[in-house]
């Protein structure tokens, strides 16, 4: 019998492979995306110091559901506004092992539209 590998285990393996290629610096932090079933989260991470510089998620404001495109767009806009307030204009996009499609793409497009460059 062949052992089954979970989707999350495959995603984590892909994410590790992506992380070997990209690095967040203080001048150009890594925009990391985490997508759960009901919400979406984004962080700007400085890998040199191992700290989160800016964060945004769809749970803010007491929202019940954040697992849709509208919530992903809101999070993308929020993360870009918070980054600009901290003086960050350029980032490196880390899709977190997810396909660049759907909510991940909506978040990225909204962050770009709000002025974040990656």
Protein backbone atom coordinates (compact mmCIF):
# COMPACT_ATOMS: atom_id res chain seq x y z
CA UNK A 1 0.00 0.00 0.00
CA UNK A 2 1.28 3.46 -0.93
CA UNK A 3 1.36 5.99 1.96
CA UNK A 4 -0.72 9.09 1.38
CA UNK A 5 0.92 12.51 1.59
CA UNK A 6 -1.28 15.36 2.78
CA UNK A 7 -1.76 18.52 0.74
CA UNK A 8 -0.28 20.54 3.57
CA UNK A 9 2.88 18.40 3.63
CA UNK A 10 3.31 18.99 -0.11
CA UNK A 11 2.71 22.74 0.37
CA UNK A 12 5.32 22.90 3.13
CA UNK A 13 7.85 21.11 0.94
CA UNK A 14 7.21 23.59 -1.90
CA UNK A 15 7.45 26.48 0.57
CA UNK A 16 10.85 25.27 1.82
CA UNK A 17 12.06 25.11 -1.78
CA UNK A 18 10.85 28.69 -2.40
CA UNK A 19 12.47 29.91 0.83
CA UNK A 20 15.89 28.67 -0.32
CA UNK A 21 15.68 31.13 -3.20
CA UNK A 22 14.34 34.28 -1.52
CA UNK A 23 15.43 36.32 1.49
CA UNK A 24 13.84 39.30 3.17
CA UNK A 25 16.10 42.20 4.12
CA UNK A 26 15.31 45.38 6.09
CA UNK A 27 15.26 47.36 2.82
CA UNK A 28 13.22 44.73 0.97
CA UNK A 29 11.30 42.47 3.38
CA UNK A 30 9.60 39.23 2.42
CA UNK A 31 5.81 39.46 1.96
CA UNK A 32 4.65 36.10 3.29
CA UNK A 33 1.10 34.82 2.73
CA UNK A 34 -0.68 32.18 4.80
CA UNK A 35 -4.09 31.00 3.68
CA UNK A 36 -6.34 29.03 6.00
CA UNK A 37 -9.79 27.72 5.21
CA UNK A 38 -11.57 30.71 6.74
CA UNK A 39 -8.98 33.51 6.74
CA UNK A 40 -5.89 34.91 5.03
CA UNK A 41 -2.82 36.40 6.69
CA UNK A 42 0.08 38.50 5.37
CA UNK A 43 3.35 39.55 7.01
CA UNK A 44 6.37 41.58 5.99
CA UNK A 45 9.34 39.72 7.45
CA UNK A 46 12.96 40.79 7.83
CA UNK A 47 14.84 37.47 7.67
CA UNK A 48 18.13 39.06 8.73
CA UNK A 49 16.80 39.83 12.22
CA UNK A 50 14.00 37.24 12.15
CA UNK A 51 11.31 39.78 12.96
CA UNK A 52 7.91 40.69 11.55
CA UNK A 53 7.83 44.34 10.50
CA UNK A 54 4.17 44.64 9.44
CA UNK A 55 1.23 42.25 9.59
CA UNK A 56 -2.40 42.19 8.43
CA UNK A 57 -5.11 39.55 8.40
CA UNK A 58 -8.76 39.03 7.58
CA UNK A 59 -9.68 38.43 11.25
CA UNK A 60 -9.19 42.10 12.15
CA UNK A 61 -12.35 44.05 12.78
CA UNK A 62 -14.31 41.07 14.04
CA UNK A 63 -15.09 39.66 10.61
CA UNK A 64 -16.68 36.21 10.67
CA UNK A 65 -15.47 35.05 7.26
CA UNK A 66 -12.27 36.00 5.50
CA UNK A 67 -11.99 33.07 3.13
CA UNK A 68 -13.04 34.95 0.02
CA UNK A 69 -11.55 37.21 -2.65
CA UNK A 70 -12.93 40.41 -1.13
CA UNK A 71 -11.21 39.71 2.19
CA UNK A 72 -7.94 38.88 0.41
CA UNK A 73 -8.09 42.20 -1.44
CA UNK A 74 -8.69 44.04 1.84
CA UNK A 75 -5.69 42.35 3.46
CA UNK A 76 -3.50 43.22 0.45
CA UNK A 77 -4.57 46.85 0.65
CA UNK A 78 -4.01 46.95 4.44
CA UNK A 79 -0.54 45.44 4.27
CA UNK A 80 0.50 47.92 1.57
CA UNK A 81 -0.81 50.90 3.55
CA UNK A 82 0.93 49.75 6.74
CA UNK A 83 4.16 49.14 4.83
CA UNK A 84 4.06 52.64 3.33
CA UNK A 85 3.50 54.09 6.81
CA UNK A 86 6.72 52.34 7.91
CA UNK A 87 8.60 53.58 4.83
CA UNK A 88 8.69 50.27 2.97
CA UNK A 89 8.11 50.46 -0.78
CA UNK A 90 9.69 47.28 -2.18
CA UNK A 91 9.20 43.68 -1.08
CA UNK A 92 9.91 40.11 -2.15
CA UNK A 93 6.73 38.07 -2.61
CA UNK A 94 6.55 34.68 -0.87
CA UNK A 95 3.42 32.79 -1.87
CA UNK A 96 3.92 30.30 0.94
CA UNK A 97 3.81 27.20 -1.23
CA UNK A 98 0.34 28.01 -2.54
CA UNK A 99 -0.44 28.34 -6.23
CA UNK A 100 -0.41 31.95 -7.47
CA UNK A 101 -4.14 31.85 -8.06
CA UNK A 102 -7.36 32.88 -6.37
CA UNK A 103 -6.98 34.51 -2.95
CA UNK A 104 -3.18 34.62 -3.08
CA UNK A 105 -3.26 36.41 -6.45
CA UNK A 106 -6.02 38.78 -5.25
CA UNK A 107 -3.93 39.75 -2.21
CA UNK A 108 -0.84 40.33 -4.37
CA UNK A 109 -2.72 42.39 -6.96
CA UNK A 110 -4.35 44.56 -4.27
CA UNK A 111 -0.97 45.17 -2.59
CA UNK A 112 0.51 46.20 -5.94
CA UNK A 113 -2.45 48.49 -6.68
CA UNK A 114 -1.96 50.16 -3.28
CA UNK A 115 1.67 50.96 -4.14
CA UNK A 116 3.79 48.04 -2.95
CA UNK A 117 6.41 46.92 -5.48
CA UNK A 118 7.45 43.29 -5.97
